Amino acid sequence: MQRFKSQASAQRFLTTYAAVYNTFNTQPHLISRPTLRHFRGEAHDVWTAATAAA
């Protein structure tokens, strides 16, 4: 919170950051390689759609 001007701006950033982090963060050691590739492909498609609309 040290570099944010207000608690509201920190919360806006963290809300967006959490959504992106949760989309892309997988624990590869817990799933097979083909499944991981599938998840990463879906995450990439979601990211592409989200950034194209903005």
N, C-alpha and C. Protein backbone atom coordinates (compact mmCIF):
# COMPACT_ATOMS: atom_id res chain seq x y z
N MET A 1 0.82 -1.19 0.00
CA MET A 1 0.00 0.00 0.00
C MET A 1 0.87 1.25 0.00
N GLN A 2 2.15 1.15 0.17
CA GLN A 2 3.01 2.31 0.31
C GLN A 2 3.02 3.20 -0.93
N ARG A 3 2.87 2.63 -2.12
CA ARG A 3 2.99 3.44 -3.33
C ARG A 3 1.65 3.86 -3.92
N PHE A 4 0.57 3.52 -3.25
CA PHE A 4 -0.74 3.91 -3.73
C PHE A 4 -1.18 5.19 -3.04
N LYS A 5 -1.89 6.03 -3.78
CA LYS A 5 -2.32 7.30 -3.21
C LYS A 5 -3.45 7.14 -2.21
N SER A 6 -4.26 6.11 -2.42
CA SER A 6 -5.38 5.88 -1.51
C SER A 6 -5.66 4.39 -1.39
N GLN A 7 -6.41 4.06 -0.39
CA GLN A 7 -6.79 2.66 -0.19
C GLN A 7 -7.67 2.19 -1.35
N ALA A 8 -8.50 3.08 -1.87
CA ALA A 8 -9.39 2.72 -2.98
C ALA A 8 -8.59 2.37 -4.24
N SER A 9 -7.54 3.14 -4.54
CA SER A 9 -6.76 2.83 -5.73
C SER A 9 -5.99 1.52 -5.54
N ALA A 10 -5.53 1.24 -4.34
CA ALA A 10 -4.86 -0.02 -4.06
C ALA A 10 -5.84 -1.18 -4.24
N GLN A 11 -7.06 -1.00 -3.77
CA GLN A 11 -8.05 -2.06 -3.89
C GLN A 11 -8.41 -2.32 -5.35
N ARG A 12 -8.54 -1.27 -6.15
CA ARG A 12 -8.83 -1.45 -7.58
C ARG A 12 -7.71 -2.24 -8.26
N PHE A 13 -6.48 -1.87 -7.96
CA PHE A 13 -5.35 -2.58 -8.54
C PHE A 13 -5.33 -4.04 -8.11
N LEU A 14 -5.50 -4.29 -6.83
CA LEU A 14 -5.42 -5.66 -6.32
C LEU A 14 -6.57 -6.53 -6.84
N THR A 15 -7.73 -5.95 -7.05
CA THR A 15 -8.85 -6.70 -7.60
C THR A 15 -8.52 -7.17 -9.02
N THR A 16 -8.00 -6.26 -9.83
CA THR A 16 -7.62 -6.61 -11.19
C THR A 16 -6.46 -7.59 -11.19
N TYR A 17 -5.47 -7.33 -10.37
CA TYR A 17 -4.30 -8.20 -10.30
C TYR A 17 -4.71 -9.62 -9.90
N ALA A 18 -5.60 -9.73 -8.94
CA ALA A 18 -6.04 -11.06 -8.47
C ALA A 18 -6.74 -11.82 -9.58
N ALA A 19 -7.57 -11.14 -10.37
CA ALA A 19 -8.28 -11.80 -11.46
C ALA A 19 -7.29 -12.33 -12.50
N VAL A 20 -6.30 -11.53 -12.84
CA VAL A 20 -5.29 -11.95 -13.82
C VAL A 20 -4.43 -13.07 -13.23
N TYR A 21 -4.02 -12.93 -12.00
CA TYR A 21 -3.18 -13.95 -11.35
C TYR A 21 -3.91 -15.29 -11.29
N ASN A 22 -5.17 -15.26 -10.90
CA ASN A 22 -5.94 -16.50 -10.79
C ASN A 22 -6.17 -17.15 -12.15
N THR A 23 -6.24 -16.34 -13.20
CA THR A 23 -6.42 -16.89 -14.54
C THR A 23 -5.18 -17.64 -14.99
N PHE A 24 -4.03 -17.08 -14.71
CA PHE A 24 -2.79 -17.64 -15.24
C PHE A 24 -2.04 -18.54 -14.28
N ASN A 25 -2.33 -18.47 -13.00
CA ASN A 25 -1.58 -19.26 -12.02
C ASN A 25 -2.14 -20.68 -11.94
N THR A 26 -1.36 -21.61 -12.35
CA THR A 26 -1.68 -23.03 -12.14
C THR A 26 -0.49 -23.65 -11.43
N GLN A 27 -0.71 -24.76 -10.81
CA GLN A 27 0.38 -25.44 -10.12
C GLN A 27 0.79 -26.64 -10.98
N PRO A 28 1.76 -26.42 -11.85
CA PRO A 28 2.11 -27.43 -12.85
C PRO A 28 2.57 -28.76 -12.25
N HIS A 29 3.07 -28.74 -11.06
CA HIS A 29 3.53 -30.00 -10.47
C HIS A 29 2.37 -30.91 -10.07
N LEU A 30 1.14 -30.38 -10.08
CA LEU A 30 -0.02 -31.17 -9.67
C LEU A 30 -0.82 -31.73 -10.84
N ILE A 31 -0.51 -31.31 -12.06
CA ILE A 31 -1.29 -31.76 -13.21
C ILE A 31 -0.36 -32.23 -14.33
N SER A 32 -0.92 -33.01 -15.23
CA SER A 32 -0.11 -33.54 -16.33
C SER A 32 0.22 -32.44 -17.34
N ARG A 33 1.23 -32.65 -18.14
CA ARG A 33 1.68 -31.68 -19.14
C ARG A 33 0.58 -31.36 -20.15
N PRO A 34 -0.11 -32.37 -20.74
CA PRO A 34 -1.17 -32.04 -21.70
C PRO A 34 -2.30 -31.22 -21.08
N THR A 35 -2.63 -31.53 -19.84
CA THR A 35 -3.68 -30.76 -19.15
C THR A 35 -3.22 -29.34 -18.91
N LEU A 36 -1.96 -29.18 -18.51
CA LEU A 36 -1.41 -27.85 -18.30
C LEU A 36 -1.44 -27.04 -19.60
N ARG A 37 -1.04 -27.66 -20.71
CA ARG A 37 -1.09 -26.97 -22.00
C ARG A 37 -2.50 -26.54 -22.34
N HIS A 38 -3.47 -27.40 -22.05
CA HIS A 38 -4.88 -27.07 -22.31
C HIS A 38 -5.30 -25.86 -21.46
N PHE A 39 -4.96 -25.88 -20.16
CA PHE A 39 -5.31 -24.77 -19.28
C PHE A 39 -4.65 -23.47 -19.74
N ARG A 40 -3.38 -23.55 -20.14
CA ARG A 40 -2.67 -22.35 -20.59
C ARG A 40 -3.29 -21.80 -21.87
N GLY A 41 -3.71 -22.71 -22.77
CA GLY A 41 -4.38 -22.26 -24.00
C GLY A 41 -5.69 -21.56 -23.70
N GLU A 42 -6.46 -22.09 -22.76
CA GLU A 42 -7.71 -21.44 -22.37
C GLU A 42 -7.45 -20.09 -21.72
N ALA A 43 -6.44 -20.03 -20.86
CA ALA A 43 -6.10 -18.76 -20.20
C ALA A 43 -5.67 -17.72 -21.23
N HIS A 44 -4.91 -18.16 -22.22
CA HIS A 44 -4.48 -17.24 -23.28
C HIS A 44 -5.68 -16.72 -24.07
N ASP A 45 -6.62 -17.59 -24.38
CA ASP A 45 -7.83 -17.18 -25.11
C ASP A 45 -8.64 -16.16 -24.30
N VAL A 46 -8.76 -16.41 -23.00
CA VAL A 46 -9.49 -15.48 -22.13
C VAL A 46 -8.78 -14.14 -22.10
N TRP A 47 -7.45 -14.16 -21.97
CA TRP A 47 -6.69 -12.92 -21.93
C TRP A 47 -6.82 -12.15 -23.24
N THR A 48 -6.75 -12.84 -24.37
CA THR A 48 -6.87 -12.21 -25.67
C THR A 48 -8.25 -11.55 -25.81
N ALA A 49 -9.28 -12.26 -25.41
CA ALA A 49 -10.64 -11.71 -25.48
C ALA A 49 -10.80 -10.49 -24.56
N ALA A 50 -10.23 -10.57 -23.39
CA ALA A 50 -10.35 -9.47 -22.42
C ALA A 50 -9.63 -8.22 -22.90
N THR A 51 -8.45 -8.40 -23.48
CA THR A 51 -7.69 -7.24 -23.91
C THR A 51 -8.17 -6.69 -25.25
N ALA A 52 -8.83 -7.51 -26.06
CA ALA A 52 -9.36 -7.04 -27.35
C ALA A 52 -10.58 -6.14 -27.12
N ALA A 53 -11.34 -6.42 -26.06
CA ALA A 53 -12.54 -5.64 -25.79
C ALA A 53 -12.20 -4.28 -25.18
N ALA A 54 -11.04 -4.16 -24.58
CA ALA A 54 -10.68 -2.92 -23.88
C ALA A 54 -10.19 -1.85 -24.80
